C-alpha atoms as a PDB file:
ATOM      1  CA  MET A   1      17.092  -7.307  10.615  1.00  0.00           C
ATOM      2  CA  ALA A   2      15.100  -5.568   7.913  1.00  0.00           C
ATOM      3  CA  LYS A   3      13.584  -2.236   8.755  1.00  0.00           C
ATOM      4  CA  TYR A   4      10.020  -1.185   8.143  1.00  0.00           C
ATOM      5  CA  ILE A   5       9.110   0.343   4.793  1.00  0.00           C
ATOM      6  CA  LEU A   6       6.070   2.607   4.630  1.00  0.00           C
ATOM      7  CA  TRP A   7       4.345   3.331   1.326  1.00  0.00           C
ATOM      8  CA  HIS A   8       3.092   6.749   2.278  1.00  0.00           C
ATOM      9  CA  ASN A   9       1.098   9.635   0.862  1.00  0.00           C
ATOM     10  CA  PRO A  10       1.558  12.619   3.194  1.00  0.00           C
ATOM     11  CA  ARG A  11      -1.599  14.241   1.776  1.00  0.00           C
ATOM     12  CA  CYS A  12      -3.721  11.310   3.028  1.00  0.00           C
ATOM     13  CA  ALA A  13      -5.083  11.517   6.580  1.00  0.00           C
ATOM     14  CA  LYS A  14      -4.988   7.726   7.092  1.00  0.00           C
ATOM     15  CA  SER A  15      -1.407   7.647   5.873  1.00  0.00           C
ATOM     16  CA  ARG A  16      -0.427  10.427   8.287  1.00  0.00           C
ATOM     17  CA  GLU A  17      -2.164   8.593  11.148  1.00  0.00           C
ATOM     18  CA  GLY A  18      -0.269   5.420  10.273  1.00  0.00           C
ATOM     19  CA  PHE A  19       2.998   7.337  10.159  1.00  0.00           C
ATOM     20  CA  LYS A  20       2.417   8.616  13.714  1.00  0.00           C
ATOM     21  CA  ILE A  21       1.965   5.025  14.961  1.00  0.00           C
ATOM     22  CA  LEU A  22       5.458   4.223  13.648  1.00  0.00           C
ATOM     23  CA  GLU A  23       7.160   6.944  15.684  1.00  0.00           C
ATOM     24  CA  GLY A  24      10.385   5.661  17.227  1.00  0.00           C
ATOM     25  CA  LEU A  25      10.785   2.756  14.791  1.00  0.00           C
ATOM     26  CA  ASP A  26      13.363   2.398  12.023  1.00  0.00           C
ATOM     27  CA  VAL A  27      11.162   3.276   9.046  1.00  0.00           C
ATOM     28  CA  GLU A  28      12.069   3.988   5.439  1.00  0.00           C
ATOM     29  CA  VAL A  29       9.341   6.230   4.046  1.00  0.00           C
ATOM     30  CA  ARG A  30       8.540   5.750   0.390  1.00  0.00           C
ATOM     31  CA  LYS A  31       6.325   8.427  -1.063  1.00  0.00           C
ATOM     32  CA  TYR A  32       4.955   6.019  -3.618  1.00  0.00           C
ATOM     33  CA  LEU A  33       3.318   8.720  -5.753  1.00  0.00           C
ATOM     34  CA  ASP A  34       6.734  10.384  -6.243  1.00  0.00           C
ATOM     35  CA  ASN A  35       8.626   7.079  -6.398  1.00  0.00           C
ATOM     36  CA  PRO A  36       6.117   4.577  -7.841  1.00  0.00           C
ATOM     37  CA  PRO A  37       6.667   0.862  -7.389  1.00  0.00           C
ATOM     38  CA  THR A  38       7.435  -1.268 -10.409  1.00  0.00           C
ATOM     39  CA  CYS A  39       4.861  -3.889 -11.360  1.00  0.00           C
ATOM     40  CA  GLU A  40       7.197  -6.505  -9.883  1.00  0.00           C
ATOM     41  CA  GLU A  41       7.386  -4.611  -6.580  1.00  0.00           C
ATOM     42  CA  LEU A  42       3.625  -4.215  -6.506  1.00  0.00           C
ATOM     43  CA  GLN A  43       3.128  -7.941  -7.164  1.00  0.00           C
ATOM     44  CA  GLU A  44       5.572  -8.750  -4.355  1.00  0.00           C
ATOM     45  CA  VAL A  45       3.712  -6.481  -1.927  1.00  0.00           C
ATOM     46  CA  LEU A  46       0.383  -8.024  -2.956  1.00  0.00           C
ATOM     47  CA  LYS A  47       1.836 -11.459  -2.057  1.00  0.00           C
ATOM     48  CA  LYS A  48       3.026 -10.124   1.318  1.00  0.00           C
ATOM     49  CA  LEU A  49      -0.427  -8.650   1.933  1.00  0.00           C
ATOM     50  CA  ASN A  50      -2.085 -11.857   0.726  1.00  0.00           C
ATOM     51  CA  MET A  51      -4.357  -9.719  -1.449  1.00  0.00           C
ATOM     52  CA  LYS A  52      -5.487  -9.563  -5.049  1.00  0.00           C
ATOM     53  CA  PRO A  53      -5.171  -6.333  -7.048  1.00  0.00           C
ATOM     54  CA  SER A  54      -8.942  -5.819  -6.800  1.00  0.00           C
ATOM     55  CA  GLU A  55      -8.617  -5.779  -2.988  1.00  0.00           C
ATOM     56  CA  LEU A  56      -5.886  -3.109  -3.012  1.00  0.00           C
ATOM     57  CA  VAL A  57      -7.226  -0.750  -5.672  1.00  0.00           C
ATOM     58  CA  ARG A  58      -8.894   2.514  -4.646  1.00  0.00           C
ATOM     59  CA  LYS A  59     -12.393   1.892  -6.027  1.00  0.00           C
ATOM     60  CA  LYS A  60     -13.683   5.323  -4.994  1.00  0.00           C
ATOM     61  CA  GLU A  61     -10.943   7.083  -6.956  1.00  0.00           C
ATOM     62  CA  LYS A  62     -12.338   8.994  -9.956  1.00  0.00           C
ATOM     63  CA  LEU A  63      -9.629   7.440 -12.151  1.00  0.00           C
ATOM     64  CA  PHE A  64     -10.936   3.956 -11.282  1.00  0.00           C
ATOM     65  CA  ARG A  65     -14.255   4.835 -12.928  1.00  0.00           C
ATOM     66  CA  GLU A  66     -12.644   6.720 -15.812  1.00  0.00           C
ATOM     67  CA  LEU A  67     -10.543   3.665 -16.678  1.00  0.00           C
ATOM     68  CA  GLY A  68     -13.612   1.406 -16.523  1.00  0.00           C
ATOM     69  CA  LEU A  69     -12.074  -0.927 -13.948  1.00  0.00           C
ATOM     70  CA  LYS A  70     -15.295  -1.924 -12.176  1.00  0.00           C
ATOM     71  CA  ASP A  71     -15.595  -5.248 -14.022  1.00  0.00           C
ATOM     72  CA  ALA A  72     -11.918  -5.594 -15.012  1.00  0.00           C
ATOM     73  CA  ASP A  73      -9.912  -8.757 -14.377  1.00  0.00           C
ATOM     74  CA  GLU A  74      -7.069  -8.864 -11.849  1.00  0.00           C
ATOM     75  CA  GLU A  75      -4.318  -8.459 -14.437  1.00  0.00           C
ATOM     76  CA  THR A  76      -5.954  -5.348 -15.917  1.00  0.00           C
ATOM     77  CA  ILE A  77      -6.350  -3.836 -12.455  1.00  0.00           C
ATOM     78  CA  LEU A  78      -2.723  -4.628 -11.622  1.00  0.00           C
ATOM     79  CA  LYS A  79      -1.521  -2.949 -14.828  1.00  0.00           C
ATOM     80  CA  ALA A  80      -3.660   0.109 -14.089  1.00  0.00           C
ATOM     81  CA  MET A  81      -2.193   0.346 -10.588  1.00  0.00           C
ATOM     82  CA  CYS A  82       1.326   0.092 -12.028  1.00  0.00           C
ATOM     83  CA  GLU A  83       0.620   2.864 -14.527  1.00  0.00           C
ATOM     84  CA  HIS A  84      -1.344   4.993 -12.044  1.00  0.00           C
ATOM     85  CA  PRO A  85       0.010   4.568  -8.481  1.00  0.00           C
ATOM     86  CA  LYS A  86      -2.746   6.919  -7.296  1.00  0.00           C
ATOM     87  CA  LEU A  87      -4.975   3.829  -7.549  1.00  0.00           C
ATOM     88  CA  ILE A  88      -2.996   1.960  -4.861  1.00  0.00           C
ATOM     89  CA  GLU A  89      -4.722   1.931  -1.483  1.00  0.00           C
ATOM     90  CA  ARG A  90      -2.607   3.337   1.320  1.00  0.00           C
ATOM     91  CA  PRO A  91      -0.813   3.318   3.643  1.00  0.00           C
ATOM     92  CA  ILE A  92       1.095   0.032   3.420  1.00  0.00           C
ATOM     93  CA  LEU A  93       3.655  -1.084   5.989  1.00  0.00           C
ATOM     94  CA  ILE A  94       6.174  -3.709   4.923  1.00  0.00           C
ATOM     95  CA  LYS A  95       8.684  -5.649   6.994  1.00  0.00           C
ATOM     96  CA  GLY A  96      10.537  -8.632   5.595  1.00  0.00           C
ATOM     97  CA  ASP A  97       8.107 -11.059   4.008  1.00  0.00           C
ATOM     98  CA  LYS A  98       4.986  -9.499   5.557  1.00  0.00           C
ATOM     99  CA  ALA A  99       2.952  -6.389   4.905  1.00  0.00           C
ATOM    100  CA  VAL A 100      -0.219  -4.815   6.220  1.00  0.00           C
ATOM    101  CA  LEU A 101      -2.616  -2.280   4.772  1.00  0.00           C
ATOM    102  CA  GLY A 102      -3.229   0.490   7.308  1.00  0.00           C
ATOM    103  CA  ARG A 103      -6.996   0.559   6.923  1.00  0.00           C
ATOM    104  CA  PRO A 104      -7.514   1.471   9.688  1.00  0.00           C
ATOM    105  CA  PRO A 105      -3.998   2.693  10.566  1.00  0.00           C
ATOM    106  CA  GLU A 106      -4.120   0.761  13.872  1.00  0.00           C
ATOM    107  CA  LYS A 107      -3.645  -2.407  11.804  1.00  0.00           C
ATOM    108  CA  PHE A 108       0.061  -1.461  11.688  1.00  0.00           C
ATOM    109  CA  LYS A 109       0.240  -2.551  15.340  1.00  0.00           C
ATOM    110  CA  GLU A 110      -0.316  -6.170  14.246  1.00  0.00           C
ATOM    111  CA  LEU A 111       2.922  -6.142  12.250  1.00  0.00           C
ATOM    112  CA  ILE A 112       4.795  -4.142  14.905  1.00  0.00           C
ATOM    113  CA  ASP A 113       3.667  -6.515  17.698  1.00  0.00           C
ATOM    114  CA  GLU A 114       4.720  -9.486  15.579  1.00  0.00           C
ATOM    115  CA  ASN A 115       8.224  -8.036  15.308  1.00  0.00           C
ATOM    116  CA  SER A 116       8.773  -6.835  18.872  1.00  0.00           C
END
């Protein structure tokens, strides 16, 4: 059975809260800012989340404004997220063909409950 994969930023409070919820589970932690996903990986995770790039991008990030992404199309936002992983909302928990965005971190429990 596949283990959980956590796209994690240890400097983010929500990400740290989500990490605590996973205590005791088999989790592979991916510090996605140090080990950014490829565009293909990001597209796959978006499918698992059932989200569009515009729903996963950090709109309050200064870089979002600097890149002029407010009225950008989905493909442009996806490319920006691939080039600048800082724009990816976090934390994300992945297991098999499903994923959940930990906003709030308690949402991780939905995926954990599904798999227990």
